[in-house]
Amino acid sequence: MDKIAFDGDVVSVVAPGSLGLFGILAGHAPLVGSLEKGTVKVRYMDNREEFIAIGSGFIEVSREGEVVILTDRAEKTPRHSSPHSATSSSN
């Protein structure tokens, strides 16, 4: 079943790529890449953050700056830490 887990304007996206975490900001070069199971972090203009647990899949950044993630699993989740998580912890 196809569905949209998130659609909106954001400041940044951090995703678990197959070679490690990577971030996307405004003006990012177009790209297509593979994603590993993990957590995508989305940051809004007001600095709120949202976390979306994903399965493996693909990411595309268009010339217009639109980010599309294709995956078999996407669900909003509370902030957590894992080997492929887009979160960081501070002490």
PDB file of N, CA and C in Angstrom:
ATOM      1  N   MET A   1       0.838  -1.181   0.000  1.00  0.00           N
ATOM      2  CA  MET A   1       0.000   0.000   0.000  1.00  0.00           C
ATOM      3  C   MET A   1       0.881   1.241   0.000  1.00  0.00           C
ATOM      4  N   ASP A   2       0.683   2.131  -0.930  1.00  0.00           N
ATOM      5  CA  ASP A   2       1.431   3.378  -0.997  1.00  0.00           C
ATOM      6  C   ASP A   2       0.773   4.404  -0.095  1.00  0.00           C
ATOM      7  N   LYS A   3       1.623   5.131   0.654  1.00  0.00           N
ATOM      8  CA  LYS A   3       1.094   6.212   1.470  1.00  0.00           C
ATOM      9  C   LYS A   3       2.190   7.235   1.706  1.00  0.00           C
ATOM     10  N   ILE A   4       1.794   8.425   2.080  1.00  0.00           N
ATOM     11  CA  ILE A   4       2.731   9.491   2.388  1.00  0.00           C
ATOM     12  C   ILE A   4       2.804   9.620   3.904  1.00  0.00           C
ATOM     13  N   ALA A   5       4.012   9.431   4.455  1.00  0.00           N
ATOM     14  CA  ALA A   5       4.197   9.532   5.902  1.00  0.00           C
ATOM     15  C   ALA A   5       4.457  10.970   6.330  1.00  0.00           C
ATOM     16  N   PHE A   6       4.984  11.790   5.414  1.00  0.00           N
ATOM     17  CA  PHE A   6       5.293  13.178   5.739  1.00  0.00           C
ATOM     18  C   PHE A   6       5.325  13.997   4.461  1.00  0.00           C
ATOM     19  N   ASP A   7       4.796  15.209   4.525  1.00  0.00           N
ATOM     20  CA  ASP A   7       4.853  16.140   3.404  1.00  0.00           C
ATOM     21  C   ASP A   7       4.839  17.537   3.992  1.00  0.00           C
ATOM     22  N   GLY A   8       5.901  18.307   3.763  1.00  0.00           N
ATOM     23  CA  GLY A   8       5.935  19.652   4.305  1.00  0.00           C
ATOM     24  C   GLY A   8       7.267  20.325   4.061  1.00  0.00           C
ATOM     25  N   ASP A   9       7.350  21.612   4.429  1.00  0.00           N
ATOM     26  CA  ASP A   9       8.578  22.386   4.293  1.00  0.00           C
ATOM     27  C   ASP A   9       9.417  22.243   5.552  1.00  0.00           C
ATOM     28  N   VAL A  10      10.718  21.999   5.361  1.00  0.00           N
ATOM     29  CA  VAL A  10      11.626  21.820   6.490  1.00  0.00           C
ATOM     30  C   VAL A  10      12.941  22.545   6.220  1.00  0.00           C
ATOM     31  N   VAL A  11      13.750  22.698   7.270  1.00  0.00           N
ATOM     32  CA  VAL A  11      15.073  23.306   7.163  1.00  0.00           C
ATOM     33  C   VAL A  11      16.103  22.268   6.763  1.00  0.00           C
ATOM     34  N   SER A  12      16.000  21.065   7.352  1.00  0.00           N
ATOM     35  CA  SER A  12      16.989  20.030   7.055  1.00  0.00           C
ATOM     36  C   SER A  12      16.404  18.640   7.245  1.00  0.00           C
ATOM     37  N   VAL A  13      17.085  17.698   6.600  1.00  0.00           N
ATOM     38  CA  VAL A  13      16.762  16.280   6.730  1.00  0.00           C
ATOM     39  C   VAL A  13      18.079  15.548   6.951  1.00  0.00           C
ATOM     40  N   VAL A  14      18.131  14.667   7.942  1.00  0.00           N
ATOM     41  CA  VAL A  14      19.293  13.805   8.163  1.00  0.00           C
ATOM     42  C   VAL A  14      18.799  12.372   8.003  1.00  0.00           C
ATOM     43  N   ALA A  15      19.488  11.613   7.139  1.00  0.00           N
ATOM     44  CA  ALA A  15      19.022  10.275   6.795  1.00  0.00           C
ATOM     45  C   ALA A  15      20.145   9.250   6.929  1.00  0.00           C
ATOM     46  N   PRO A  16      19.785   7.984   7.209  1.00  0.00           N
ATOM     47  CA  PRO A  16      20.777   6.911   7.353  1.00  0.00           C
ATOM     48  C   PRO A  16      21.146   6.297   5.996  1.00  0.00           C
ATOM     49  N   GLY A  17      22.136   6.859   5.333  1.00  0.00           N
ATOM     50  CA  GLY A  17      22.582   6.334   4.052  1.00  0.00           C
ATOM     51  C   GLY A  17      23.341   5.032   4.199  1.00  0.00           C
ATOM     52  N   SER A  18      23.532   4.351   3.109  1.00  0.00           N
ATOM     53  CA  SER A  18      24.237   3.071   3.156  1.00  0.00           C
ATOM     54  C   SER A  18      25.701   3.241   3.543  1.00  0.00           C
ATOM     55  N   LEU A  19      26.254   4.463   3.411  1.00  0.00           N
ATOM     56  CA  LEU A  19      27.635   4.735   3.819  1.00  0.00           C
ATOM     57  C   LEU A  19      27.703   5.562   5.093  1.00  0.00           C
ATOM     58  N   GLY A  20      26.583   5.734   5.770  1.00  0.00           N
ATOM     59  CA  GLY A  20      26.545   6.514   7.006  1.00  0.00           C
ATOM     60  C   GLY A  20      25.504   7.620   6.928  1.00  0.00           C
ATOM     61  N   LEU A  21      25.349   8.352   8.025  1.00  0.00           N
ATOM     62  CA  LEU A  21      24.383   9.444   8.073  1.00  0.00           C
ATOM     63  C   LEU A  21      24.797  10.580   7.158  1.00  0.00           C
ATOM     64  N   PHE A  22      23.820  11.239   6.529  1.00  0.00           N
ATOM     65  CA  PHE A  22      24.126  12.429   5.752  1.00  0.00           C
ATOM     66  C   PHE A  22      22.985  13.417   5.884  1.00  0.00           C
ATOM     67  N   GLY A  23      23.333  14.698   5.766  1.00  0.00           N
ATOM     68  CA  GLY A  23      22.350  15.752   5.916  1.00  0.00           C
ATOM     69  C   GLY A  23      22.056  16.448   4.607  1.00  0.00           C
ATOM     70  N   ILE A  24      20.844  16.972   4.511  1.00  0.00           N
ATOM     71  CA  ILE A  24      20.402  17.706   3.332  1.00  0.00           C
ATOM     72  C   ILE A  24      19.861  19.051   3.798  1.00  0.00           C
ATOM     73  N   LEU A  25      20.416  20.121   3.230  1.00  0.00           N
ATOM     74  CA  LEU A  25      19.971  21.483   3.517  1.00  0.00           C
ATOM     75  C   LEU A  25      19.493  22.122   2.218  1.00  0.00           C
ATOM     76  N   ALA A  26      18.917  23.312   2.309  1.00  0.00           N
ATOM     77  CA  ALA A  26      18.510  24.049   1.113  1.00  0.00           C
ATOM     78  C   ALA A  26      19.707  24.216   0.189  1.00  0.00           C
ATOM     79  N   GLY A  27      19.482  24.083  -1.098  1.00  0.00           N
ATOM     80  CA  GLY A  27      20.557  24.247  -2.067  1.00  0.00           C
ATOM     81  C   GLY A  27      21.403  23.010  -2.284  1.00  0.00           C
ATOM     82  N   HIS A  28      21.027  21.895  -1.667  1.00  0.00           N
ATOM     83  CA  HIS A  28      21.782  20.656  -1.827  1.00  0.00           C
ATOM     84  C   HIS A  28      21.790  20.229  -3.289  1.00  0.00           C
ATOM     85  N   ALA A  29      22.886  19.677  -3.736  1.00  0.00           N
ATOM     86  CA  ALA A  29      22.978  19.178  -5.108  1.00  0.00           C
ATOM     87  C   ALA A  29      22.005  18.016  -5.302  1.00  0.00           C
ATOM     88  N   PRO A  30      21.458  17.881  -6.498  1.00  0.00           N
ATOM     89  CA  PRO A  30      20.583  16.738  -6.770  1.00  0.00           C
ATOM     90  C   PRO A  30      21.336  15.432  -6.540  1.00  0.00           C
ATOM     91  N   LEU A  31      20.629  14.435  -6.045  1.00  0.00           N
ATOM     92  CA  LEU A  31      21.258  13.129  -5.835  1.00  0.00           C
ATOM     93  C   LEU A  31      20.218  12.043  -5.742  1.00  0.00           C
ATOM     94  N   VAL A  32      20.675  10.826  -5.946  1.00  0.00           N
ATOM     95  CA  VAL A  32      19.882   9.622  -5.704  1.00  0.00           C
ATOM     96  C   VAL A  32      20.800   8.701  -4.926  1.00  0.00           C
ATOM     97  N   GLY A  33      20.309   8.139  -3.814  1.00  0.00           N
ATOM     98  CA  GLY A  33      21.135   7.264  -3.000  1.00  0.00           C
ATOM     99  C   GLY A  33      20.325   6.186  -2.318  1.00  0.00           C
ATOM    100  N   SER A  34      21.030   5.243  -1.741  1.00  0.00           N
ATOM    101  CA  SER A  34      20.361   4.164  -1.012  1.00  0.00           C
ATOM    102  C   SER A  34      20.355   4.475   0.485  1.00  0.00           C
ATOM    103  N   LEU A  35      19.330   3.977   1.163  1.00  0.00           N
ATOM    104  CA  LEU A  35      19.154   4.194   2.603  1.00  0.00           C
ATOM    105  C   LEU A  35      19.145   2.857   3.327  1.00  0.00           C
ATOM    106  N   GLU A  36      19.622   2.875   4.541  1.00  0.00           N
ATOM    107  CA  GLU A  36      19.566   1.725   5.431  1.00  0.00           C
ATOM    108  C   GLU A  36      18.425   1.920   6.430  1.00  0.00           C
ATOM    109  N   LYS A  37      18.003   0.854   7.033  1.00  0.00           N
ATOM    110  CA  LYS A  37      17.012   0.924   8.109  1.00  0.00           C
ATOM    111  C   LYS A  37      17.551   1.837   9.200  1.00  0.00           C
ATOM    112  N   GLY A  38      16.710   2.742   9.700  1.00  0.00           N
ATOM    113  CA  GLY A  38      17.150   3.663  10.743  1.00  0.00           C
ATOM    114  C   GLY A  38      16.124   4.742  10.979  1.00  0.00           C
ATOM    115  N   THR A  39      16.612   5.909  11.392  1.00  0.00           N
ATOM    116  CA  THR A  39      15.730   7.019  11.727  1.00  0.00           C
ATOM    117  C   THR A  39      16.100   8.249  10.913  1.00  0.00           C
ATOM    118  N   VAL A  40      15.106   8.861  10.291  1.00  0.00           N
ATOM    119  CA  VAL A  40      15.275  10.121   9.585  1.00  0.00           C
ATOM    120  C   VAL A  40      14.890  11.241  10.541  1.00  0.00           C
ATOM    121  N   LYS A  41      15.752  12.270  10.627  1.00  0.00           N
ATOM    122  CA  LYS A  41      15.443  13.433  11.462  1.00  0.00           C
ATOM    123  C   LYS A  41      15.065  14.591  10.557  1.00  0.00           C
ATOM    124  N   VAL A  42      13.915  15.195  10.834  1.00  0.00           N
ATOM    125  CA  VAL A  42      13.418  16.339  10.085  1.00  0.00           C
ATOM    126  C   VAL A  42      13.409  17.534  11.026  1.00  0.00           C
ATOM    127  N   ARG A  43      14.006  18.656  10.583  1.00  0.00           N
ATOM    128  CA  ARG A  43      14.025  19.873  11.409  1.00  0.00           C
ATOM    129  C   ARG A  43      13.212  20.960  10.718  1.00  0.00           C
ATOM    130  N   TYR A  44      12.271  21.539  11.485  1.00  0.00           N
ATOM    131  CA  TYR A  44      11.394  22.593  10.974  1.00  0.00           C
ATOM    132  C   TYR A  44      12.017  23.975  11.178  1.00  0.00           C
ATOM    133  N   MET A  45      11.415  24.983  10.572  1.00  0.00           N
ATOM    134  CA  MET A  45      11.897  26.369  10.677  1.00  0.00           C
ATOM    135  C   MET A  45      11.957  26.854  12.128  1.00  0.00           C
ATOM    136  N   ASP A  46      11.053  26.363  12.978  1.00  0.00           N
ATOM    137  CA  ASP A  46      11.030  26.796  14.376  1.00  0.00           C
ATOM    138  C   ASP A  46      11.925  25.918  15.261  1.00  0.00           C
ATOM    139  N   ASN A  47      12.814  25.115  14.650  1.00  0.00           N
ATOM    140  CA  ASN A  47      13.769  24.224  15.316  1.00  0.00           C
ATOM    141  C   ASN A  47      13.151  22.984  15.950  1.00  0.00           C
ATOM    142  N   ARG A  48      11.835  22.794  15.778  1.00  0.00           N
ATOM    143  CA  ARG A  48      11.257  21.521  16.213  1.00  0.00           C
ATOM    144  C   ARG A  48      11.864  20.413  15.376  1.00  0.00           C
ATOM    145  N   GLU A  49      11.992  19.245  15.992  1.00  0.00           N
ATOM    146  CA  GLU A  49      12.500  18.084  15.269  1.00  0.00           C
ATOM    147  C   GLU A  49      11.470  16.970  15.307  1.00  0.00           C
ATOM    148  N   GLU A  50      11.404  16.219  14.231  1.00  0.00           N
ATOM    149  CA  GLU A  50      10.517  15.065  14.145  1.00  0.00           C
ATOM    150  C   GLU A  50      11.357  13.891  13.650  1.00  0.00           C
ATOM    151  N   PHE A  51      11.048  12.711  14.146  1.00  0.00           N
ATOM    152  CA  PHE A  51      11.812  11.521  13.814  1.00  0.00           C
ATOM    153  C   PHE A  51      10.899  10.496  13.160  1.00  0.00           C
ATOM    154  N   ILE A  52      11.383   9.917  12.070  1.00  0.00           N
ATOM    155  CA  ILE A  52      10.605   8.940  11.320  1.00  0.00           C
ATOM    156  C   ILE A  52      11.447   7.689  11.145  1.00  0.00           C
ATOM    157  N   ALA A  53      10.988   6.578  11.723  1.00  0.00           N
ATOM    158  CA  ALA A  53      11.683   5.295  11.565  1.00  0.00           C
ATOM    159  C   ALA A  53      11.386   4.769  10.166  1.00  0.00           C
ATOM    160  N   ILE A  54      12.451   4.363   9.451  1.00  0.00           N
ATOM    161  CA  ILE A  54      12.269   3.866   8.093  1.00  0.00           C
ATOM    162  C   ILE A  54      12.917   2.500   7.917  1.00  0.00           C
ATOM    163  N   GLY A  55      12.460   1.780   6.918  1.00  0.00           N
ATOM    164  CA  GLY A  55      13.130   0.581   6.467  1.00  0.00           C
ATOM    165  C   GLY A  55      14.151   0.987   5.417  1.00  0.00           C
ATOM    166  N   SER A  56      14.850   0.025   4.856  1.00  0.00           N
ATOM    167  CA  SER A  56      15.801   0.365   3.803  1.00  0.00           C
ATOM    168  C   SER A  56      15.042   0.884   2.587  1.00  0.00           C
ATOM    169  N   GLY A  57      15.736   1.625   1.740  1.00  0.00           N
ATOM    170  CA  GLY A  57      15.075   2.182   0.569  1.00  0.00           C
ATOM    171  C   GLY A  57      15.975   3.116  -0.196  1.00  0.00           C
ATOM    172  N   PHE A  58      15.372   4.141  -0.787  1.00  0.00           N
ATOM    173  CA  PHE A  58      16.092   5.089  -1.630  1.00  0.00           C
ATOM    174  C   PHE A  58      15.688   6.511  -1.300  1.00  0.00           C
ATOM    175  N   ILE A  59      16.604   7.444  -1.574  1.00  0.00           N
ATOM    176  CA  ILE A  59      16.336   8.865  -1.382  1.00  0.00           C
ATOM    177  C   ILE A  59      16.687   9.598  -2.668  1.00  0.00           C
ATOM    178  N   GLU A  60      15.875  10.604  -2.992  1.00  0.00           N
ATOM    179  CA  GLU A  60      16.159  11.455  -4.144  1.00  0.00           C
ATOM    180  C   GLU A  60      16.025  12.904  -3.717  1.00  0.00           C
ATOM    181  N   VAL A  61      17.002  13.727  -4.102  1.00  0.00           N
ATOM    182  CA  VAL A  61      16.919  15.165  -3.915  1.00  0.00           C
ATOM    183  C   VAL A  61      16.865  15.772  -5.311  1.00  0.00           C
ATOM    184  N   SER A  62      15.784  16.506  -5.606  1.00  0.00           N
ATOM    185  CA  SER A  62      15.602  17.089  -6.933  1.00  0.00           C
ATOM    186  C   SER A  62      16.346  18.420  -7.056  1.00  0.00           C
ATOM    187  N   ARG A  63      16.442  18.935  -8.258  1.00  0.00           N
ATOM    188  CA  ARG A  63      17.055  20.250  -8.499  1.00  0.00           C
ATOM    189  C   ARG A  63      16.320  21.349  -7.753  1.00  0.00           C
ATOM    190  N   GLU A  64      15.023  21.149  -7.550  1.00  0.00           N
ATOM    191  CA  GLU A  64      14.205  22.150  -6.840  1.00  0.00           C
ATOM    192  C   GLU A  64      14.324  22.017  -5.324  1.00  0.00           C
ATOM    193  N   GLY A  65      15.068  21.025  -4.843  1.00  0.00           N
ATOM    194  CA  GLY A  65      15.261  20.851  -3.415  1.00  0.00           C
ATOM    195  C   GLY A  65      14.252  19.943  -2.751  1.00  0.00           C
ATOM    196  N   GLU A  66      13.382  19.307  -3.528  1.00  0.00           N
ATOM    197  CA  GLU A  66      12.413  18.376  -2.953  1.00  0.00           C
ATOM    198  C   GLU A  66      13.120  17.071  -2.604  1.00  0.00           C
ATOM    199  N   VAL A  67      12.848  16.562  -1.407  1.00  0.00           N
ATOM    200  CA  VAL A  67      13.422  15.294  -0.957  1.00  0.00           C
ATOM    201  C   VAL A  67      12.321  14.245  -0.962  1.00  0.00           C
ATOM    202  N   VAL A  68      12.577  13.137  -1.644  1.00  0.00           N
ATOM    203  CA  VAL A  68      11.628  12.023  -1.685  1.00  0.00           C
ATOM    204  C   VAL A  68      12.345  10.790  -1.164  1.00  0.00           C
ATOM    205  N   ILE A  69      11.723  10.125  -0.192  1.00  0.00           N
ATOM    206  CA  ILE A  69      12.250   8.870   0.352  1.00  0.00           C
ATOM    207  C   ILE A  69      11.258   7.770   0.025  1.00  0.00           C
ATOM    208  N   LEU A  70      11.754   6.730  -0.615  1.00  0.00           N
ATOM    209  CA  LEU A  70      10.939   5.556  -0.925  1.00  0.00           C
ATOM    210  C   LEU A  70      11.406   4.413  -0.046  1.00  0.00           C
ATOM    211  N   THR A  71      10.485   3.869   0.745  1.00  0.00           N
ATOM    212  CA  THR A  71      10.840   2.812   1.686  1.00  0.00           C
ATOM    213  C   THR A  71       9.615   1.942   1.964  1.00  0.00           C
ATOM    214  N   ASP A  72       9.854   0.760   2.470  1.00  0.00           N
ATOM    215  CA  ASP A  72       8.734  -0.133   2.780  1.00  0.00           C
ATOM    216  C   ASP A  72       8.146   0.137   4.159  1.00  0.00           C
ATOM    217  N   ARG A  73       8.774   1.013   4.948  1.00  0.00           N
ATOM    218  CA  ARG A  73       8.293   1.315   6.295  1.00  0.00           C
ATOM    219  C   ARG A  73       8.623   2.765   6.632  1.00  0.00           C
ATOM    220  N   ALA A  74       7.653   3.489   7.159  1.00  0.00           N
ATOM    221  CA  ALA A  74       7.878   4.856   7.624  1.00  0.00           C
ATOM    222  C   ALA A  74       6.843   5.178   8.677  1.00  0.00           C
ATOM    223  N   GLU A  75       7.304   5.383   9.903  1.00  0.00           N
ATOM    224  CA  GLU A  75       6.378   5.749  10.973  1.00  0.00           C
ATOM    225  C   GLU A  75       7.046   6.716  11.931  1.00  0.00           C
ATOM    226  N   LYS A  76       6.283   7.724  12.336  1.00  0.00           N
ATOM    227  CA  LYS A  76       6.805   8.703  13.284  1.00  0.00           C
ATOM    228  C   LYS A  76       7.125   7.999  14.593  1.00  0.00           C
ATOM    229  N   THR A  77       8.202   8.448  15.215  1.00  0.00           N
ATOM    230  CA  THR A  77       8.681   7.776  16.409  1.00  0.00           C
ATOM    231  C   THR A  77       9.253   8.801  17.382  1.00  0.00           C
ATOM    232  N   PRO A  78       9.263   8.490  18.675  1.00  0.00           N
ATOM    233  CA  PRO A  78       9.920   9.400  19.615  1.00  0.00           C
ATOM    234  C   PRO A  78      11.433   9.355  19.389  1.00  0.00           C
ATOM    235  N   ARG A  79      12.099  10.371  19.832  1.00  0.00           N
ATOM    236  CA  ARG A  79      13.559  10.438  19.677  1.00  0.00           C
ATOM    237  C   ARG A  79      14.195   9.244  20.377  1.00  0.00           C
ATOM    238  N   HIS A  80      15.122   8.621  19.675  1.00  0.00           N
ATOM    239  CA  HIS A  80      15.849   7.506  20.275  1.00  0.00           C
ATOM    240  C   HIS A  80      17.211   7.379  19.634  1.00  0.00           C
ATOM    241  N   SER A  81      18.040   6.545  20.178  1.00  0.00           N
ATOM    242  CA  SER A  81      19.394   6.376  19.698  1.00  0.00           C
ATOM    243  C   SER A  81      19.600   4.942  19.245  1.00  0.00           C
ATOM    244  N   SER A  82      20.183   4.761  18.063  1.00  0.00           N
ATOM    245  CA  SER A  82      20.500   3.444  17.552  1.00  0.00           C
ATOM    246  C   SER A  82      21.686   3.571  16.610  1.00  0.00           C
ATOM    247  N   PRO A  83      22.302   2.452  16.190  1.00  0.00           N
ATOM    248  CA  PRO A  83      23.472   2.550  15.322  1.00  0.00           C
ATOM    249  C   PRO A  83      23.222   3.316  14.035  1.00  0.00           C
ATOM    250  N   HIS A  84      22.006   3.297  13.498  1.00  0.00           N
ATOM    251  CA  HIS A  84      21.701   4.020  12.261  1.00  0.00           C
ATOM    252  C   HIS A  84      20.700   5.141  12.514  1.00  0.00           C
ATOM    253  N   SER A  85      20.764   5.739  13.675  1.00  0.00           N
ATOM    254  CA  SER A  85      19.838   6.788  14.030  1.00  0.00           C
ATOM    255  C   SER A  85      20.389   8.145  13.638  1.00  0.00           C
ATOM    256  N   ALA A  86      19.526   9.053  13.284  1.00  0.00           N
ATOM    257  CA  ALA A  86      19.916  10.416  12.939  1.00  0.00           C
ATOM    258  C   ALA A  86      19.861  11.318  14.151  1.00  0.00           C
ATOM    259  N   THR A  87      20.006  10.772  15.333  1.00  0.00           N
ATOM    260  CA  THR A  87      19.985  11.565  16.552  1.00  0.00           C
ATOM    261  C   THR A  87      21.372  11.591  17.152  1.00  0.00           C
ATOM    262  N   SER A  88      21.590  12.506  18.051  1.00  0.00           N
ATOM    263  CA  SER A  88      22.836  12.527  18.791  1.00  0.00           C
ATOM    264  C   SER A  88      22.499  12.755  20.253  1.00  0.00           C
ATOM    265  N   SER A  89      23.361  12.284  21.111  1.00  0.00           N
ATOM    266  CA  SER A  89      23.122  12.495  22.534  1.00  0.00           C
ATOM    267  C   SER A  89      24.217  13.366  23.101  1.00  0.00           C
ATOM    268  N   SER A  90      23.869  14.171  24.069  1.00  0.00           N
ATOM    269  CA  SER A  90      24.869  15.019  24.725  1.00  0.00           C
ATOM    270  C   SER A  90      24.751  14.819  26.217  1.00  0.00           C
ATOM    271  N   ASN A  91      25.886  14.911  26.874  1.00  0.00           N
ATOM    272  CA  ASN A  91      25.930  14.724  28.337  1.00  0.00           C
ATOM    273  C   ASN A  91      26.190  16.028  29.021  1.00  0.00           C
TER     274      ASN A  91
END
